[in-house]
Amino acid sequence: MPLFHPDNRTRSEASRKLYARYEVAHTGVDFLAAACFLIGSFLFFSNTTQYAATWLFVIGSLAFAAKPTIRLIREVKLYRLGDLETLAERDT
């Protein structure tokens, strides 16, 4: 099956567990990015905290950049997991 095919995530128990772990990581990064941007936004109201606010925006931006990376790694692992299961079935 090709990358990003919805059936890859439910092909086996191992693929379901892998999908769930990466989905939790993706959601965690979402919350991290949102928190950084929200807190950073409030810190911009004061001139004395703008430096910290800028760093929170950089961290939030990195977190948003990590999201598609997490998804791509997950999909590649699911794809490879499917290949391994196909090879194992051929061997038996």
PDB file of N, CA and C in Angstrom:
ATOM      1  N   MET A   1       0.824  -1.177   0.000  1.00  0.00           N
ATOM      2  CA  MET A   1       0.000   0.000   0.000  1.00  0.00           C
ATOM      3  C   MET A   1       0.876   1.252   0.000  1.00  0.00           C
ATOM      4  N   PRO A   2       0.438   2.313  -0.627  1.00  0.00           N
ATOM      5  CA  PRO A   2       1.247   3.535  -0.688  1.00  0.00           C
ATOM      6  C   PRO A   2       1.281   4.270   0.654  1.00  0.00           C
ATOM      7  N   LEU A   3       2.219   5.200   0.751  1.00  0.00           N
ATOM      8  CA  LEU A   3       2.285   6.055   1.944  1.00  0.00           C
ATOM      9  C   LEU A   3       0.989   6.833   2.097  1.00  0.00           C
ATOM     10  N   PHE A   4       0.629   7.150   3.316  1.00  0.00           N
ATOM     11  CA  PHE A   4      -0.549   7.938   3.675  1.00  0.00           C
ATOM     12  C   PHE A   4      -1.865   7.272   3.295  1.00  0.00           C
ATOM     13  N   HIS A   5      -1.846   5.962   3.069  1.00  0.00           N
ATOM     14  CA  HIS A   5      -3.098   5.243   2.805  1.00  0.00           C
ATOM     15  C   HIS A   5      -3.754   4.951   4.156  1.00  0.00           C
ATOM     16  N   PRO A   6      -5.052   5.276   4.325  1.00  0.00           N
ATOM     17  CA  PRO A   6      -5.708   5.110   5.633  1.00  0.00           C
ATOM     18  C   PRO A   6      -5.679   3.679   6.165  1.00  0.00           C
ATOM     19  N   ASP A   7      -5.632   2.686   5.290  1.00  0.00           N
ATOM     20  CA  ASP A   7      -5.627   1.299   5.752  1.00  0.00           C
ATOM     21  C   ASP A   7      -4.314   0.896   6.411  1.00  0.00           C
ATOM     22  N   ASN A   8      -3.253   1.651   6.181  1.00  0.00           N
ATOM     23  CA  ASN A   8      -1.956   1.318   6.783  1.00  0.00           C
ATOM     24  C   ASN A   8      -2.024   1.340   8.308  1.00  0.00           C
ATOM     25  N   ARG A   9      -2.867   2.204   8.856  1.00  0.00           N
ATOM     26  CA  ARG A   9      -2.907   2.351  10.322  1.00  0.00           C
ATOM     27  C   ARG A   9      -3.667   1.238  11.017  1.00  0.00           C
ATOM     28  N   THR A  10      -4.447   0.457  10.290  1.00  0.00           N
ATOM     29  CA  THR A  10      -5.250  -0.605  10.925  1.00  0.00           C
ATOM     30  C   THR A  10      -4.911  -1.984  10.382  1.00  0.00           C
ATOM     31  N   ARG A  11      -3.797  -2.112   9.735  1.00  0.00           N
ATOM     32  CA  ARG A  11      -3.437  -3.376   9.094  1.00  0.00           C
ATOM     33  C   ARG A  11      -3.145  -4.486  10.100  1.00  0.00           C
ATOM     34  N   SER A  12      -2.614  -4.123  11.252  1.00  0.00           N
ATOM     35  CA  SER A  12      -2.280  -5.125  12.275  1.00  0.00           C
ATOM     36  C   SER A  12      -2.307  -4.459  13.647  1.00  0.00           C
ATOM     37  N   GLU A  13      -2.154  -5.270  14.671  1.00  0.00           N
ATOM     38  CA  GLU A  13      -2.095  -4.732  16.037  1.00  0.00           C
ATOM     39  C   GLU A  13      -0.878  -3.825  16.193  1.00  0.00           C
ATOM     40  N   ALA A  14       0.242  -4.229  15.611  1.00  0.00           N
ATOM     41  CA  ALA A  14       1.463  -3.416  15.693  1.00  0.00           C
ATOM     42  C   ALA A  14       1.269  -2.068  15.001  1.00  0.00           C
ATOM     43  N   SER A  15       0.610  -2.054  13.865  1.00  0.00           N
ATOM     44  CA  SER A  15       0.399  -0.785  13.160  1.00  0.00           C
ATOM     45  C   SER A  15      -0.576   0.116  13.914  1.00  0.00           C
ATOM     46  N   ARG A  16      -1.568  -0.479  14.566  1.00  0.00           N
ATOM     47  CA  ARG A  16      -2.497   0.329  15.369  1.00  0.00           C
ATOM     48  C   ARG A  16      -1.781   0.973  16.548  1.00  0.00           C
ATOM     49  N   LYS A  17      -0.911   0.226  17.216  1.00  0.00           N
ATOM     50  CA  LYS A  17      -0.156   0.775  18.348  1.00  0.00           C
ATOM     51  C   LYS A  17       0.804   1.867  17.895  1.00  0.00           C
ATOM     52  N   LEU A  18       1.493   1.622  16.784  1.00  0.00           N
ATOM     53  CA  LEU A  18       2.422   2.615  16.250  1.00  0.00           C
ATOM     54  C   LEU A  18       1.686   3.898  15.885  1.00  0.00           C
ATOM     55  N   TYR A  19       0.556   3.750  15.222  1.00  0.00           N
ATOM     56  CA  TYR A  19      -0.244   4.915  14.839  1.00  0.00           C
ATOM     57  C   TYR A  19      -0.676   5.706  16.074  1.00  0.00           C
ATOM     58  N   ALA A  20      -1.134   5.008  17.098  1.00  0.00           N
ATOM     59  CA  ALA A  20      -1.600   5.671  18.315  1.00  0.00           C
ATOM     60  C   ALA A  20      -0.472   6.431  19.003  1.00  0.00           C
ATOM     61  N   ARG A  21       0.721   5.832  19.089  1.00  0.00           N
ATOM     62  CA  ARG A  21       1.856   6.508  19.723  1.00  0.00           C
ATOM     63  C   ARG A  21       2.220   7.795  18.995  1.00  0.00           C
ATOM     64  N   TYR A  22       2.269   7.720  17.674  1.00  0.00           N
ATOM     65  CA  TYR A  22       2.619   8.913  16.908  1.00  0.00           C
ATOM     66  C   TYR A  22       1.511   9.963  16.953  1.00  0.00           C
ATOM     67  N   GLU A  23       0.281   9.541  17.048  1.00  0.00           N
ATOM     68  CA  GLU A  23      -0.828  10.498  17.149  1.00  0.00           C
ATOM     69  C   GLU A  23      -0.754  11.245  18.475  1.00  0.00           C
ATOM     70  N   VAL A  24      -0.379  10.545  19.549  1.00  0.00           N
ATOM     71  CA  VAL A  24      -0.206  11.195  20.855  1.00  0.00           C
ATOM     72  C   VAL A  24       0.946  12.203  20.785  1.00  0.00           C
ATOM     73  N   ALA A  25       2.048  11.824  20.144  1.00  0.00           N
ATOM     74  CA  ALA A  25       3.184  12.742  19.998  1.00  0.00           C
ATOM     75  C   ALA A  25       2.774  13.973  19.194  1.00  0.00           C
ATOM     76  N   HIS A  26       2.042  13.767  18.116  1.00  0.00           N
ATOM     77  CA  HIS A  26       1.588  14.869  17.271  1.00  0.00           C
ATOM     78  C   HIS A  26       0.693  15.822  18.060  1.00  0.00           C
ATOM     79  N   THR A  27      -0.209  15.282  18.857  1.00  0.00           N
ATOM     80  CA  THR A  27      -1.105  16.108  19.669  1.00  0.00           C
ATOM     81  C   THR A  27      -0.325  16.856  20.750  1.00  0.00           C
ATOM     82  N   GLY A  28       0.651  16.200  21.349  1.00  0.00           N
ATOM     83  CA  GLY A  28       1.496  16.860  22.349  1.00  0.00           C
ATOM     84  C   GLY A  28       2.247  18.046  21.772  1.00  0.00           C
ATOM     85  N   VAL A  29       2.772  17.890  20.571  1.00  0.00           N
ATOM     86  CA  VAL A  29       3.483  18.986  19.909  1.00  0.00           C
ATOM     87  C   VAL A  29       2.512  20.119  19.589  1.00  0.00           C
ATOM     88  N   ASP A  30       1.282  19.769  19.210  1.00  0.00           N
ATOM     89  CA  ASP A  30       0.248  20.787  18.971  1.00  0.00           C
ATOM     90  C   ASP A  30       0.017  21.641  20.222  1.00  0.00           C
ATOM     91  N   PHE A  31      -0.136  20.977  21.366  1.00  0.00           N
ATOM     92  CA  PHE A  31      -0.354  21.702  22.618  1.00  0.00           C
ATOM     93  C   PHE A  31       0.860  22.551  22.987  1.00  0.00           C
ATOM     94  N   LEU A  32       2.068  22.023  22.794  1.00  0.00           N
ATOM     95  CA  LEU A  32       3.285  22.777  23.082  1.00  0.00           C
ATOM     96  C   LEU A  32       3.338  24.046  22.238  1.00  0.00           C
ATOM     97  N   ALA A  33       3.084  23.910  20.949  1.00  0.00           N
ATOM     98  CA  ALA A  33       3.121  25.073  20.058  1.00  0.00           C
ATOM     99  C   ALA A  33       2.069  26.102  20.457  1.00  0.00           C
ATOM    100  N   ALA A  34       0.865  25.622  20.733  1.00  0.00           N
ATOM    101  CA  ALA A  34      -0.210  26.541  21.119  1.00  0.00           C
ATOM    102  C   ALA A  34       0.138  27.272  22.410  1.00  0.00           C
ATOM    103  N   ALA A  35       0.678  26.565  23.387  1.00  0.00           N
ATOM    104  CA  ALA A  35       1.037  27.190  24.657  1.00  0.00           C
ATOM    105  C   ALA A  35       2.142  28.231  24.465  1.00  0.00           C
ATOM    106  N   CYS A  36       3.139  27.900  23.650  1.00  0.00           N
ATOM    107  CA  CYS A  36       4.225  28.858  23.396  1.00  0.00           C
ATOM    108  C   CYS A  36       3.697  30.136  22.755  1.00  0.00           C
ATOM    109  N   PHE A  37       2.835  29.988  21.760  1.00  0.00           N
ATOM    110  CA  PHE A  37       2.303  31.171  21.093  1.00  0.00           C
ATOM    111  C   PHE A  37       1.371  31.971  22.002  1.00  0.00           C
ATOM    112  N   LEU A  38       0.575  31.295  22.804  1.00  0.00           N
ATOM    113  CA  LEU A  38      -0.341  32.003  23.703  1.00  0.00           C
ATOM    114  C   LEU A  38       0.427  32.770  24.769  1.00  0.00           C
ATOM    115  N   ILE A  39       1.354  32.100  25.423  1.00  0.00           N
ATOM    116  CA  ILE A  39       2.152  32.766  26.465  1.00  0.00           C
ATOM    117  C   ILE A  39       3.003  33.870  25.846  1.00  0.00           C
ATOM    118  N   GLY A  40       3.618  33.568  24.693  1.00  0.00           N
ATOM    119  CA  GLY A  40       4.423  34.579  24.011  1.00  0.00           C
ATOM    120  C   GLY A  40       3.618  35.810  23.651  1.00  0.00           C
ATOM    121  N   SER A  41       2.380  35.609  23.241  1.00  0.00           N
ATOM    122  CA  SER A  41       1.522  36.748  22.894  1.00  0.00           C
ATOM    123  C   SER A  41       1.301  37.665  24.094  1.00  0.00           C
ATOM    124  N   PHE A  42       1.057  37.087  25.250  1.00  0.00           N
ATOM    125  CA  PHE A  42       0.873  37.894  26.450  1.00  0.00           C
ATOM    126  C   PHE A  42       2.162  38.602  26.859  1.00  0.00           C
ATOM    127  N   LEU A  43       3.302  37.930  26.666  1.00  0.00           N
ATOM    128  CA  LEU A  43       4.574  38.545  27.049  1.00  0.00           C
ATOM    129  C   LEU A  43       4.921  39.742  26.167  1.00  0.00           C
ATOM    130  N   PHE A  44       4.376  39.803  24.968  1.00  0.00           N
ATOM    131  CA  PHE A  44       4.643  40.940  24.092  1.00  0.00           C
ATOM    132  C   PHE A  44       3.977  42.230  24.573  1.00  0.00           C
ATOM    133  N   PHE A  45       3.071  42.157  25.521  1.00  0.00           N
ATOM    134  CA  PHE A  45       2.429  43.359  26.045  1.00  0.00           C
ATOM    135  C   PHE A  45       3.387  44.214  26.863  1.00  0.00           C
ATOM    136  N   SER A  46       4.452  43.631  27.344  1.00  0.00           N
ATOM    137  CA  SER A  46       5.419  44.366  28.158  1.00  0.00           C
ATOM    138  C   SER A  46       6.763  44.426  27.423  1.00  0.00           C
ATOM    139  N   ASN A  47       7.386  45.590  27.436  1.00  0.00           N
ATOM    140  CA  ASN A  47       8.695  45.738  26.784  1.00  0.00           C
ATOM    141  C   ASN A  47       9.766  44.900  27.471  1.00  0.00           C
ATOM    142  N   THR A  48       9.622  44.667  28.767  1.00  0.00           N
ATOM    143  CA  THR A  48      10.652  43.924  29.504  1.00  0.00           C
ATOM    144  C   THR A  48      10.614  42.425  29.234  1.00  0.00           C
ATOM    145  N   THR A  49       9.512  41.905  28.694  1.00  0.00           N
ATOM    146  CA  THR A  49       9.405  40.462  28.445  1.00  0.00           C
ATOM    147  C   THR A  49       9.379  40.104  26.957  1.00  0.00           C
ATOM    148  N   GLN A  50       9.672  41.079  26.110  1.00  0.00           N
ATOM    149  CA  GLN A  50       9.617  40.802  24.672  1.00  0.00           C
ATOM    150  C   GLN A  50      10.680  39.809  24.212  1.00  0.00           C
ATOM    151  N   TYR A  51      11.839  39.808  24.854  1.00  0.00           N
ATOM    152  CA  TYR A  51      12.900  38.859  24.498  1.00  0.00           C
ATOM    153  C   TYR A  51      12.430  37.422  24.747  1.00  0.00           C
ATOM    154  N   ALA A  52      11.837  37.187  25.899  1.00  0.00           N
ATOM    155  CA  ALA A  52      11.293  35.849  26.212  1.00  0.00           C
ATOM    156  C   ALA A  52      10.156  35.494  25.256  1.00  0.00           C
ATOM    157  N   ALA A  53       9.335  36.482  24.931  1.00  0.00           N
ATOM    158  CA  ALA A  53       8.221  36.240  24.003  1.00  0.00           C
ATOM    159  C   ALA A  53       8.743  35.815  22.639  1.00  0.00           C
ATOM    160  N   THR A  54       9.797  36.463  22.184  1.00  0.00           N
ATOM    161  CA  THR A  54      10.387  36.112  20.887  1.00  0.00           C
ATOM    162  C   THR A  54      10.867  34.668  20.890  1.00  0.00           C
ATOM    163  N   TRP A  55      11.513  34.251  21.978  1.00  0.00           N
ATOM    164  CA  TRP A  55      11.985  32.868  22.066  1.00  0.00           C
ATOM    165  C   TRP A  55      10.825  31.876  22.093  1.00  0.00           C
ATOM    166  N   LEU A  56       9.746  32.239  22.765  1.00  0.00           N
ATOM    167  CA  LEU A  56       8.578  31.350  22.767  1.00  0.00           C
ATOM    168  C   LEU A  56       7.983  31.224  21.371  1.00  0.00           C
ATOM    169  N   PHE A  57       8.008  32.303  20.603  1.00  0.00           N
ATOM    170  CA  PHE A  57       7.515  32.220  19.228  1.00  0.00           C
ATOM    171  C   PHE A  57       8.424  31.343  18.372  1.00  0.00           C
ATOM    172  N   VAL A  58       9.722  31.411  18.599  1.00  0.00           N
ATOM    173  CA  VAL A  58      10.652  30.543  17.864  1.00  0.00           C
ATOM    174  C   VAL A  58      10.408  29.081  18.226  1.00  0.00           C
ATOM    175  N   ILE A  59      10.252  28.801  19.511  1.00  0.00           N
ATOM    176  CA  ILE A  59       9.988  27.423  19.954  1.00  0.00           C
ATOM    177  C   ILE A  59       8.654  26.935  19.396  1.00  0.00           C
ATOM    178  N   GLY A  60       7.636  27.778  19.429  1.00  0.00           N
ATOM    179  CA  GLY A  60       6.340  27.412  18.864  1.00  0.00           C
ATOM    180  C   GLY A  60       6.428  27.133  17.375  1.00  0.00           C
ATOM    181  N   SER A  61       7.212  27.931  16.669  1.00  0.00           N
ATOM    182  CA  SER A  61       7.398  27.717  15.231  1.00  0.00           C
ATOM    183  C   SER A  61       8.107  26.391  14.959  1.00  0.00           C
ATOM    184  N   LEU A  62       9.115  26.079  15.761  1.00  0.00           N
ATOM    185  CA  LEU A  62       9.804  24.788  15.615  1.00  0.00           C
ATOM    186  C   LEU A  62       8.847  23.629  15.881  1.00  0.00           C
ATOM    187  N   ALA A  63       7.988  23.800  16.867  1.00  0.00           N
ATOM    188  CA  ALA A  63       7.008  22.743  17.165  1.00  0.00           C
ATOM    189  C   ALA A  63       6.048  22.554  15.994  1.00  0.00           C
ATOM    190  N   PHE A  64       5.586  23.659  15.411  1.00  0.00           N
ATOM    191  CA  PHE A  64       4.711  23.532  14.244  1.00  0.00           C
ATOM    192  C   PHE A  64       5.445  22.893  13.073  1.00  0.00           C
ATOM    193  N   ALA A  65       6.728  23.149  12.932  1.00  0.00           N
ATOM    194  CA  ALA A  65       7.517  22.519  11.872  1.00  0.00           C
ATOM    195  C   ALA A  65       7.719  21.027  12.140  1.00  0.00           C
ATOM    196  N   ALA A  66       7.721  20.638  13.401  1.00  0.00           N
ATOM    197  CA  ALA A  66       7.912  19.227  13.749  1.00  0.00           C
ATOM    198  C   ALA A  66       6.683  18.378  13.420  1.00  0.00           C
ATOM    199  N   LYS A  67       5.511  18.988  13.387  1.00  0.00           N
ATOM    200  CA  LYS A  67       4.276  18.226  13.162  1.00  0.00           C
ATOM    201  C   LYS A  67       4.283  17.439  11.859  1.00  0.00           C
ATOM    202  N   PRO A  68       4.572  18.046  10.712  1.00  0.00           N
ATOM    203  CA  PRO A  68       4.589  17.237   9.486  1.00  0.00           C
ATOM    204  C   PRO A  68       5.720  16.218   9.479  1.00  0.00           C
ATOM    205  N   THR A  69       6.802  16.536  10.188  1.00  0.00           N
ATOM    206  CA  THR A  69       7.908  15.577  10.290  1.00  0.00           C
ATOM    207  C   THR A  69       7.461  14.335  11.049  1.00  0.00           C
ATOM    208  N   ILE A  70       6.731  14.520  12.143  1.00  0.00           N
ATOM    209  CA  ILE A  70       6.204  13.397  12.920  1.00  0.00           C
ATOM    210  C   ILE A  70       5.269  12.556  12.053  1.00  0.00           C
ATOM    211  N   ARG A  71       4.403  13.207  11.298  1.00  0.00           N
ATOM    212  CA  ARG A  71       3.469  12.472  10.436  1.00  0.00           C
ATOM    213  C   ARG A  71       4.200  11.683   9.371  1.00  0.00           C
ATOM    214  N   LEU A  72       5.206  12.291   8.747  1.00  0.00           N
ATOM    215  CA  LEU A  72       5.946  11.590   7.695  1.00  0.00           C
ATOM    216  C   LEU A  72       6.693  10.391   8.266  1.00  0.00           C
ATOM    217  N   ILE A  73       7.345  10.561   9.399  1.00  0.00           N
ATOM    218  CA  ILE A  73       8.058   9.436  10.020  1.00  0.00           C
ATOM    219  C   ILE A  73       7.078   8.322  10.363  1.00  0.00           C
ATOM    220  N   ARG A  74       5.916   8.690  10.913  1.00  0.00           N
ATOM    221  CA  ARG A  74       4.898   7.685  11.237  1.00  0.00           C
ATOM    222  C   ARG A  74       4.475   6.914   9.996  1.00  0.00           C
ATOM    223  N   GLU A  75       4.208   7.619   8.911  1.00  0.00           N
ATOM    224  CA  GLU A  75       3.735   6.958   7.698  1.00  0.00           C
ATOM    225  C   GLU A  75       4.799   6.050   7.089  1.00  0.00           C
ATOM    226  N   VAL A  76       6.052   6.479   7.134  1.00  0.00           N
ATOM    227  CA  VAL A  76       7.134   5.635   6.622  1.00  0.00           C
ATOM    228  C   VAL A  76       7.260   4.376   7.470  1.00  0.00           C
ATOM    229  N   LYS A  77       7.159   4.516   8.792  1.00  0.00           N
ATOM    230  CA  LYS A  77       7.241   3.338   9.664  1.00  0.00           C
ATOM    231  C   LYS A  77       6.060   2.396   9.429  1.00  0.00           C
ATOM    232  N   LEU A  78       4.860   2.952   9.257  1.00  0.00           N
ATOM    233  CA  LEU A  78       3.702   2.100   8.957  1.00  0.00           C
ATOM    234  C   LEU A  78       3.886   1.381   7.629  1.00  0.00           C
ATOM    235  N   TYR A  79       4.410   2.081   6.650  1.00  0.00           N
ATOM    236  CA  TYR A  79       4.655   1.478   5.339  1.00  0.00           C
ATOM    237  C   TYR A  79       5.665   0.343   5.460  1.00  0.00           C
ATOM    238  N   ARG A  80       6.764   0.604   6.167  1.00  0.00           N
ATOM    239  CA  ARG A  80       7.786  -0.432   6.349  1.00  0.00           C
ATOM    240  C   ARG A  80       7.259  -1.606   7.165  1.00  0.00           C
ATOM    241  N   LEU A  81       6.432  -1.314   8.157  1.00  0.00           N
ATOM    242  CA  LEU A  81       5.839  -2.369   8.966  1.00  0.00           C
ATOM    243  C   LEU A  81       5.001  -3.285   8.082  1.00  0.00           C
ATOM    244  N   GLY A  82       4.252  -2.705   7.156  1.00  0.00           N
ATOM    245  CA  GLY A  82       3.460  -3.495   6.225  1.00  0.00           C
ATOM    246  C   GLY A  82       4.329  -4.357   5.336  1.00  0.00           C
ATOM    247  N   ASP A  83       5.456  -3.822   4.883  1.00  0.00           N
ATOM    248  CA  ASP A  83       6.371  -4.603   4.059  1.00  0.00           C
ATOM    249  C   ASP A  83       6.932  -5.782   4.832  1.00  0.00           C
ATOM    250  N   LEU A  84       7.264  -5.562   6.107  1.00  0.00           N
ATOM    251  CA  LEU A  84       7.807  -6.643   6.921  1.00  0.00           C
ATOM    252  C   LEU A  84       6.769  -7.740   7.136  1.00  0.00           C
ATOM    253  N   GLU A  85       5.519  -7.322   7.344  1.00  0.00           N
ATOM    254  CA  GLU A  85       4.461  -8.329   7.536  1.00  0.00           C
ATOM    255  C   GLU A  85       4.218  -9.114   6.255  1.00  0.00           C
ATOM    256  N   THR A  86       4.297  -8.450   5.107  1.00  0.00           N
ATOM    257  CA  THR A  86       4.124  -9.141   3.826  1.00  0.00           C
ATOM    258  C   THR A  86       5.238 -10.141   3.618  1.00  0.00           C
ATOM    259  N   LEU A  87       6.483  -9.737   3.940  1.00  0.00           N
ATOM    260  CA  LEU A  87       7.616 -10.640   3.809  1.00  0.00           C
ATOM    261  C   LEU A  87       7.462 -11.835   4.751  1.00  0.00           C
ATOM    262  N   ALA A  88       7.019 -11.588   5.982  1.00  0.00           N
ATOM    263  CA  ALA A  88       6.837 -12.671   6.935  1.00  0.00           C
ATOM    264  C   ALA A  88       5.764 -13.655   6.464  1.00  0.00           C
ATOM    265  N   GLU A  89       4.690 -13.127   5.869  1.00  0.00           N
ATOM    266  CA  GLU A  89       3.628 -14.014   5.362  1.00  0.00           C
ATOM    267  C   GLU A  89       4.138 -14.855   4.212  1.00  0.00           C
ATOM    268  N   ARG A  90       4.983 -14.320   3.371  1.00  0.00           N
ATOM    269  CA  ARG A  90       5.542 -15.080   2.245  1.00  0.00           C
ATOM    270  C   ARG A  90       6.442 -16.196   2.727  1.00  0.00           C
ATOM    271  N   ASP A  91       7.127 -15.988   3.835  1.00  0.00           N
ATOM    272  CA  ASP A  91       8.070 -16.959   4.346  1.00  0.00           C
ATOM    273  C   ASP A  91       7.385 -18.157   4.973  1.00  0.00           C
ATOM    274  N   THR A  92       6.139 -17.994   5.414  1.00  0.00           N
ATOM    275  CA  THR A  92       5.454 -19.103   6.090  1.00  0.00           C
ATOM    276  C   THR A  92       4.695 -19.972   5.128  1.00  0.00           C
TER     277      THR A  92
END
